[in-house]
Amino acid sequence: MAATASTVRATGHYRRMQSESRAAGADPVELVTMLYDELEIAIGVLAAMVRQGQPVSATEPAHRARAILIGLDAGLDHQAGGDVAGALSRVYSSMRRKLDKAVAANSAEDLDELLDGVKTVSGAWRQLR
């Protein structure tokens, strides 16, 4: 049975509440991991909304996904991170453009593609542990 957009949003809200309580004692690597988790949830909610025929422009999940990508980019330490930080900045910028395009087009396919990319970057990040 497919989840409705409201069920997915409620689940995302619950997960965000759990994440906020975890954030208090988290180290920087864990905080970034949590942001990736939230980004995956937001994009997944957007894709579910589109599949149900709902417009996603100017919605909370769209704003949240964009804000997370901006936050991830802003949090990069270009001094210490060097070329890696520069590459990640380009990846986050590309993801923001893809998100904006997918939201404007109300395209589940584009959102799925973006989510796959986020999961790839997130998976690499998780291997730091």
N, C-alpha and C. Protein backbone atom coordinates (compact mmCIF):
# COMPACT_ATOMS: atom_id res chain seq x y z
N MET A 1 0.84 -1.17 0.00
CA MET A 1 0.00 0.00 0.00
C MET A 1 0.89 1.24 0.00
N ALA A 2 0.66 2.17 -0.92
CA ALA A 2 1.47 3.37 -1.04
C ALA A 2 1.12 4.37 0.06
N ALA A 3 2.14 5.03 0.55
CA ALA A 3 1.93 6.05 1.57
C ALA A 3 1.38 7.31 0.92
N THR A 4 0.49 7.97 1.62
CA THR A 4 -0.02 9.25 1.12
C THR A 4 0.98 10.34 1.46
N ALA A 5 0.86 11.47 0.78
CA ALA A 5 1.77 12.58 1.05
C ALA A 5 1.65 13.03 2.50
N SER A 6 0.43 13.03 3.05
CA SER A 6 0.26 13.46 4.44
C SER A 6 0.93 12.48 5.40
N THR A 7 0.88 11.19 5.10
CA THR A 7 1.55 10.19 5.94
C THR A 7 3.06 10.38 5.87
N VAL A 8 3.56 10.61 4.67
CA VAL A 8 4.99 10.81 4.49
C VAL A 8 5.43 12.09 5.22
N ARG A 9 4.61 13.15 5.12
CA ARG A 9 4.95 14.40 5.83
C ARG A 9 4.94 14.18 7.33
N ALA A 10 3.95 13.46 7.84
CA ALA A 10 3.88 13.21 9.29
C ALA A 10 5.08 12.40 9.75
N THR A 11 5.46 11.41 8.96
CA THR A 11 6.63 10.61 9.30
C THR A 11 7.88 11.48 9.29
N GLY A 12 7.99 12.35 8.29
CA GLY A 12 9.12 13.27 8.22
C GLY A 12 9.17 14.20 9.41
N HIS A 13 8.01 14.69 9.83
CA HIS A 13 7.95 15.58 10.99
C HIS A 13 8.43 14.84 12.24
N TYR A 14 7.97 13.62 12.43
CA TYR A 14 8.39 12.82 13.57
C TYR A 14 9.90 12.60 13.54
N ARG A 15 10.42 12.27 12.38
CA ARG A 15 11.87 12.05 12.26
C ARG A 15 12.64 13.33 12.57
N ARG A 16 12.11 14.48 12.12
CA ARG A 16 12.77 15.76 12.41
C ARG A 16 12.81 16.01 13.92
N MET A 17 11.74 15.69 14.60
CA MET A 17 11.71 15.87 16.05
C MET A 17 12.77 14.98 16.71
N GLN A 18 12.89 13.75 16.26
CA GLN A 18 13.92 12.85 16.78
C GLN A 18 15.30 13.42 16.50
N SER A 19 15.49 13.93 15.28
CA SER A 19 16.78 14.48 14.88
C SER A 19 17.16 15.69 15.72
N GLU A 20 16.20 16.54 15.99
CA GLU A 20 16.48 17.72 16.80
C GLU A 20 16.94 17.35 18.19
N SER A 21 16.37 16.30 18.75
CA SER A 21 16.80 15.88 20.08
C SER A 21 18.19 15.25 20.04
N ARG A 22 18.54 14.58 18.92
CA ARG A 22 19.88 14.00 18.76
C ARG A 22 20.94 15.07 18.54
N ALA A 23 20.55 16.18 17.93
CA ALA A 23 21.52 17.20 17.52
C ALA A 23 22.26 17.83 18.69
N ALA A 24 21.63 17.88 19.84
CA ALA A 24 22.23 18.55 20.98
C ALA A 24 23.60 17.98 21.33
N GLY A 25 23.77 16.66 21.25
CA GLY A 25 25.04 16.06 21.63
C GLY A 25 25.86 15.56 20.47
N ALA A 26 25.51 15.92 19.26
CA ALA A 26 26.17 15.37 18.08
C ALA A 26 27.46 16.11 17.76
N ASP A 27 28.41 15.38 17.19
CA ASP A 27 29.64 16.00 16.69
C ASP A 27 29.40 16.51 15.27
N PRO A 28 30.33 17.28 14.71
CA PRO A 28 30.11 17.86 13.37
C PRO A 28 29.81 16.83 12.27
N VAL A 29 30.47 15.68 12.30
CA VAL A 29 30.22 14.65 11.28
C VAL A 29 28.79 14.13 11.41
N GLU A 30 28.34 13.92 12.63
CA GLU A 30 26.97 13.44 12.86
C GLU A 30 25.96 14.50 12.46
N LEU A 31 26.25 15.77 12.70
CA LEU A 31 25.33 16.84 12.31
C LEU A 31 25.14 16.87 10.80
N VAL A 32 26.22 16.72 10.05
CA VAL A 32 26.10 16.70 8.59
C VAL A 32 25.31 15.47 8.16
N THR A 33 25.54 14.33 8.80
CA THR A 33 24.78 13.12 8.50
C THR A 33 23.29 13.36 8.72
N MET A 34 22.96 14.04 9.79
CA MET A 34 21.56 14.36 10.09
C MET A 34 20.97 15.27 9.02
N LEU A 35 21.75 16.22 8.52
CA LEU A 35 21.27 17.08 7.44
C LEU A 35 21.00 16.28 6.18
N TYR A 36 21.88 15.35 5.87
CA TYR A 36 21.63 14.48 4.71
C TYR A 36 20.34 13.68 4.91
N ASP A 37 20.14 13.16 6.12
CA ASP A 37 18.90 12.41 6.41
C ASP A 37 17.68 13.29 6.14
N GLU A 38 17.72 14.52 6.64
CA GLU A 38 16.60 15.44 6.46
C GLU A 38 16.40 15.82 5.00
N LEU A 39 17.49 15.97 4.28
CA LEU A 39 17.40 16.28 2.86
C LEU A 39 16.74 15.14 2.10
N GLU A 40 17.14 13.91 2.40
CA GLU A 40 16.53 12.75 1.75
C GLU A 40 15.03 12.68 2.05
N ILE A 41 14.65 12.95 3.28
CA ILE A 41 13.23 12.95 3.64
C ILE A 41 12.48 14.01 2.87
N ALA A 42 13.01 15.23 2.84
CA ALA A 42 12.32 16.34 2.15
C ALA A 42 12.13 16.03 0.67
N ILE A 43 13.15 15.52 0.02
CA ILE A 43 13.04 15.22 -1.41
C ILE A 43 12.07 14.06 -1.63
N GLY A 44 12.10 13.07 -0.75
CA GLY A 44 11.16 11.95 -0.84
C GLY A 44 9.72 12.41 -0.69
N VAL A 45 9.47 13.33 0.23
CA VAL A 45 8.13 13.88 0.41
C VAL A 45 7.70 14.62 -0.85
N LEU A 46 8.59 15.41 -1.42
CA LEU A 46 8.27 16.14 -2.66
C LEU A 46 7.87 15.17 -3.77
N ALA A 47 8.65 14.11 -3.94
CA ALA A 47 8.35 13.13 -4.99
C ALA A 47 7.00 12.47 -4.74
N ALA A 48 6.70 12.14 -3.49
CA ALA A 48 5.40 11.53 -3.16
C ALA A 48 4.26 12.49 -3.46
N MET A 49 4.46 13.76 -3.16
CA MET A 49 3.43 14.76 -3.43
C MET A 49 3.15 14.86 -4.92
N VAL A 50 4.22 14.88 -5.72
CA VAL A 50 4.06 14.97 -7.17
C VAL A 50 3.31 13.75 -7.69
N ARG A 51 3.67 12.58 -7.20
CA ARG A 51 3.00 11.35 -7.65
C ARG A 51 1.52 11.35 -7.32
N GLN A 52 1.14 12.10 -6.30
CA GLN A 52 -0.28 12.20 -5.93
C GLN A 52 -0.96 13.38 -6.62
N GLY A 53 -0.24 14.02 -7.53
CA GLY A 53 -0.84 15.10 -8.30
C GLY A 53 -0.83 16.45 -7.61
N GLN A 54 -0.07 16.59 -6.56
CA GLN A 54 -0.01 17.86 -5.84
C GLN A 54 1.12 18.73 -6.37
N PRO A 55 0.90 20.02 -6.47
CA PRO A 55 1.99 20.93 -6.84
C PRO A 55 2.95 21.08 -5.66
N VAL A 56 4.23 21.15 -5.93
CA VAL A 56 5.21 21.21 -4.85
C VAL A 56 5.91 22.56 -4.73
N SER A 57 5.65 23.44 -5.67
CA SER A 57 6.27 24.76 -5.61
C SER A 57 5.81 25.49 -4.35
N ALA A 58 6.71 26.17 -3.69
CA ALA A 58 6.43 26.96 -2.49
C ALA A 58 5.85 26.13 -1.35
N THR A 59 6.30 24.87 -1.23
CA THR A 59 5.87 24.03 -0.12
C THR A 59 6.98 23.94 0.92
N GLU A 60 6.62 23.53 2.12
CA GLU A 60 7.60 23.40 3.20
C GLU A 60 8.73 22.44 2.83
N PRO A 61 8.43 21.25 2.27
CA PRO A 61 9.54 20.35 1.92
C PRO A 61 10.49 20.95 0.87
N ALA A 62 9.95 21.71 -0.08
CA ALA A 62 10.80 22.34 -1.09
C ALA A 62 11.71 23.39 -0.44
N HIS A 63 11.14 24.20 0.43
CA HIS A 63 11.94 25.22 1.13
C HIS A 63 12.98 24.56 2.04
N ARG A 64 12.58 23.49 2.70
CA ARG A 64 13.49 22.79 3.62
C ARG A 64 14.66 22.18 2.85
N ALA A 65 14.38 21.51 1.74
CA ALA A 65 15.45 20.90 0.95
C ALA A 65 16.43 21.95 0.46
N ARG A 66 15.90 23.07 -0.01
CA ARG A 66 16.78 24.14 -0.50
C ARG A 66 17.61 24.72 0.63
N ALA A 67 16.98 24.94 1.78
CA ALA A 67 17.70 25.50 2.93
C ALA A 67 18.80 24.55 3.41
N ILE A 68 18.55 23.26 3.38
CA ILE A 68 19.57 22.29 3.79
C ILE A 68 20.75 22.34 2.84
N LEU A 69 20.47 22.38 1.53
CA LEU A 69 21.57 22.45 0.57
C LEU A 69 22.38 23.73 0.75
N ILE A 70 21.71 24.84 1.00
CA ILE A 70 22.42 26.10 1.25
C ILE A 70 23.24 25.98 2.53
N GLY A 71 22.67 25.38 3.57
CA GLY A 71 23.38 25.21 4.84
C GLY A 71 24.59 24.30 4.71
N LEU A 72 24.45 23.21 3.97
CA LEU A 72 25.59 22.32 3.75
C LEU A 72 26.72 23.05 3.04
N ASP A 73 26.36 23.84 2.04
CA ASP A 73 27.36 24.60 1.29
C ASP A 73 28.01 25.66 2.18
N ALA A 74 27.20 26.38 2.93
CA ALA A 74 27.72 27.45 3.79
C ALA A 74 28.61 26.90 4.90
N GLY A 75 28.38 25.66 5.31
CA GLY A 75 29.15 25.07 6.40
C GLY A 75 30.49 24.50 5.98
N LEU A 76 30.79 24.52 4.70
CA LEU A 76 32.06 23.98 4.23
C LEU A 76 33.22 24.84 4.70
N ASP A 77 34.28 24.20 5.15
CA ASP A 77 35.50 24.91 5.56
C ASP A 77 36.49 24.83 4.40
N HIS A 78 36.50 25.89 3.59
CA HIS A 78 37.34 25.89 2.39
C HIS A 78 38.83 25.95 2.73
N GLN A 79 39.17 26.50 3.89
CA GLN A 79 40.59 26.53 4.31
C GLN A 79 41.08 25.12 4.59
N ALA A 80 40.37 24.41 5.45
CA ALA A 80 40.80 23.07 5.84
C ALA A 80 40.44 22.03 4.79
N GLY A 81 39.33 22.24 4.06
CA GLY A 81 38.85 21.24 3.13
C GLY A 81 39.46 21.30 1.75
N GLY A 82 40.04 22.44 1.40
CA GLY A 82 40.72 22.58 0.12
C GLY A 82 39.89 22.18 -1.08
N ASP A 83 40.47 21.31 -1.91
CA ASP A 83 39.81 20.87 -3.15
C ASP A 83 38.52 20.11 -2.88
N VAL A 84 38.48 19.35 -1.79
CA VAL A 84 37.27 18.58 -1.46
C VAL A 84 36.12 19.53 -1.16
N ALA A 85 36.39 20.56 -0.39
CA ALA A 85 35.35 21.55 -0.07
C ALA A 85 34.88 22.24 -1.34
N GLY A 86 35.79 22.57 -2.23
CA GLY A 86 35.41 23.20 -3.50
C GLY A 86 34.54 22.29 -4.34
N ALA A 87 34.90 21.01 -4.39
CA ALA A 87 34.11 20.05 -5.16
C ALA A 87 32.72 19.87 -4.55
N LEU A 88 32.65 19.79 -3.23
CA LEU A 88 31.34 19.66 -2.57
C LEU A 88 30.48 20.90 -2.81
N SER A 89 31.10 22.06 -2.80
CA SER A 89 30.36 23.29 -3.06
C SER A 89 29.72 23.25 -4.45
N ARG A 90 30.47 22.77 -5.42
CA ARG A 90 29.93 22.65 -6.78
C ARG A 90 28.80 21.62 -6.83
N VAL A 91 28.96 20.53 -6.10
CA VAL A 91 27.91 19.50 -6.05
C VAL A 91 26.63 20.08 -5.43
N TYR A 92 26.77 20.79 -4.32
CA TYR A 92 25.60 21.38 -3.66
C TYR A 92 24.92 22.42 -4.56
N SER A 93 25.70 23.21 -5.27
CA SER A 93 25.12 24.19 -6.20
C SER A 93 24.35 23.49 -7.31
N SER A 94 24.93 22.42 -7.84
CA SER A 94 24.26 21.64 -8.88
C SER A 94 22.96 21.03 -8.35
N MET A 95 23.01 20.53 -7.13
CA MET A 95 21.81 19.95 -6.53
C MET A 95 20.72 21.00 -6.33
N ARG A 96 21.10 22.22 -5.96
CA ARG A 96 20.11 23.29 -5.81
C ARG A 96 19.45 23.60 -7.15
N ARG A 97 20.25 23.65 -8.21
CA ARG A 97 19.69 23.91 -9.54
C ARG A 97 18.74 22.79 -9.95
N LYS A 98 19.14 21.54 -9.70
CA LYS A 98 18.29 20.40 -10.05
C LYS A 98 17.00 20.42 -9.22
N LEU A 99 17.11 20.77 -7.95
CA LEU A 99 15.93 20.87 -7.10
C LEU A 99 14.98 21.93 -7.63
N ASP A 100 15.52 23.10 -7.93
CA ASP A 100 14.68 24.19 -8.45
C ASP A 100 13.98 23.78 -9.75
N LYS A 101 14.72 23.11 -10.63
CA LYS A 101 14.15 22.66 -11.91
C LYS A 101 13.06 21.62 -11.67
N ALA A 102 13.33 20.65 -10.79
CA ALA A 102 12.35 19.58 -10.51
C ALA A 102 11.09 20.15 -9.88
N VAL A 103 11.25 21.10 -8.96
CA VAL A 103 10.10 21.71 -8.29
C VAL A 103 9.29 22.53 -9.29
N ALA A 104 9.97 23.31 -10.11
CA ALA A 104 9.27 24.14 -11.11
C ALA A 104 8.50 23.28 -12.10
N ALA A 105 9.08 22.13 -12.46
CA ALA A 105 8.44 21.23 -13.44
C ALA A 105 7.46 20.26 -12.78
N ASN A 106 7.45 20.23 -11.44
CA ASN A 106 6.63 19.27 -10.70
C ASN A 106 6.92 17.85 -11.19
N SER A 107 8.21 17.52 -11.25
CA SER A 107 8.66 16.27 -11.86
C SER A 107 9.16 15.27 -10.82
N ALA A 108 8.41 14.19 -10.64
CA ALA A 108 8.83 13.12 -9.73
C ALA A 108 10.10 12.45 -10.25
N GLU A 109 10.20 12.33 -11.55
CA GLU A 109 11.38 11.71 -12.15
C GLU A 109 12.65 12.50 -11.84
N ASP A 110 12.58 13.82 -11.98
CA ASP A 110 13.74 14.67 -11.66
C ASP A 110 14.05 14.63 -10.17
N LEU A 111 13.02 14.56 -9.33
CA LEU A 111 13.24 14.48 -7.89
C LEU A 111 13.88 13.14 -7.52
N ASP A 112 13.45 12.07 -8.17
CA ASP A 112 14.06 10.76 -7.93
C ASP A 112 15.54 10.77 -8.32
N GLU A 113 15.84 11.40 -9.44
CA GLU A 113 17.23 11.51 -9.88
C GLU A 113 18.06 12.30 -8.88
N LEU A 114 17.50 13.40 -8.39
CA LEU A 114 18.18 14.21 -7.38
C LEU A 114 18.40 13.39 -6.11
N LEU A 115 17.38 12.68 -5.69
CA LEU A 115 17.49 11.86 -4.48
C LEU A 115 18.59 10.81 -4.62
N ASP A 116 18.70 10.21 -5.78
CA ASP A 116 19.78 9.24 -6.01
C ASP A 116 21.14 9.91 -5.82
N GLY A 117 21.29 11.12 -6.34
CA GLY A 117 22.55 11.85 -6.18
C GLY A 117 22.84 12.18 -4.73
N VAL A 118 21.82 12.61 -4.00
CA VAL A 118 21.99 12.91 -2.58
C VAL A 118 22.41 11.66 -1.83
N LYS A 119 21.79 10.54 -2.15
CA LYS A 119 22.13 9.28 -1.47
C LYS A 119 23.56 8.86 -1.77
N THR A 120 24.04 9.14 -2.96
CA THR A 120 25.43 8.82 -3.30
C THR A 120 26.39 9.63 -2.45
N VAL A 121 26.15 10.94 -2.36
CA VAL A 121 27.02 11.81 -1.56
C VAL A 121 26.89 11.45 -0.08
N SER A 122 25.67 11.22 0.36
CA SER A 122 25.42 10.86 1.75
C SER A 122 26.12 9.55 2.12
N GLY A 123 26.06 8.59 1.22
CA GLY A 123 26.72 7.31 1.47
C GLY A 123 28.22 7.47 1.63
N ALA A 124 28.82 8.30 0.79
CA ALA A 124 30.25 8.56 0.90
C ALA A 124 30.58 9.23 2.23
N TRP A 125 29.73 10.17 2.63
CA TRP A 125 29.94 10.88 3.90
C TRP A 125 29.87 9.90 5.08
N ARG A 126 28.92 8.99 5.02
CA ARG A 126 28.72 8.04 6.12
C ARG A 126 29.92 7.11 6.28
N GLN A 127 30.69 6.92 5.23
CA GLN A 127 31.86 6.07 5.33
C GLN A 127 32.99 6.72 6.12
N LEU A 128 32.85 8.00 6.44
CA LEU A 128 33.85 8.67 7.27
C LEU A 128 33.89 8.08 8.67
N ARG A 129 32.80 7.52 9.10
CA ARG A 129 32.72 6.94 10.45
C ARG A 129 33.48 5.66 10.51
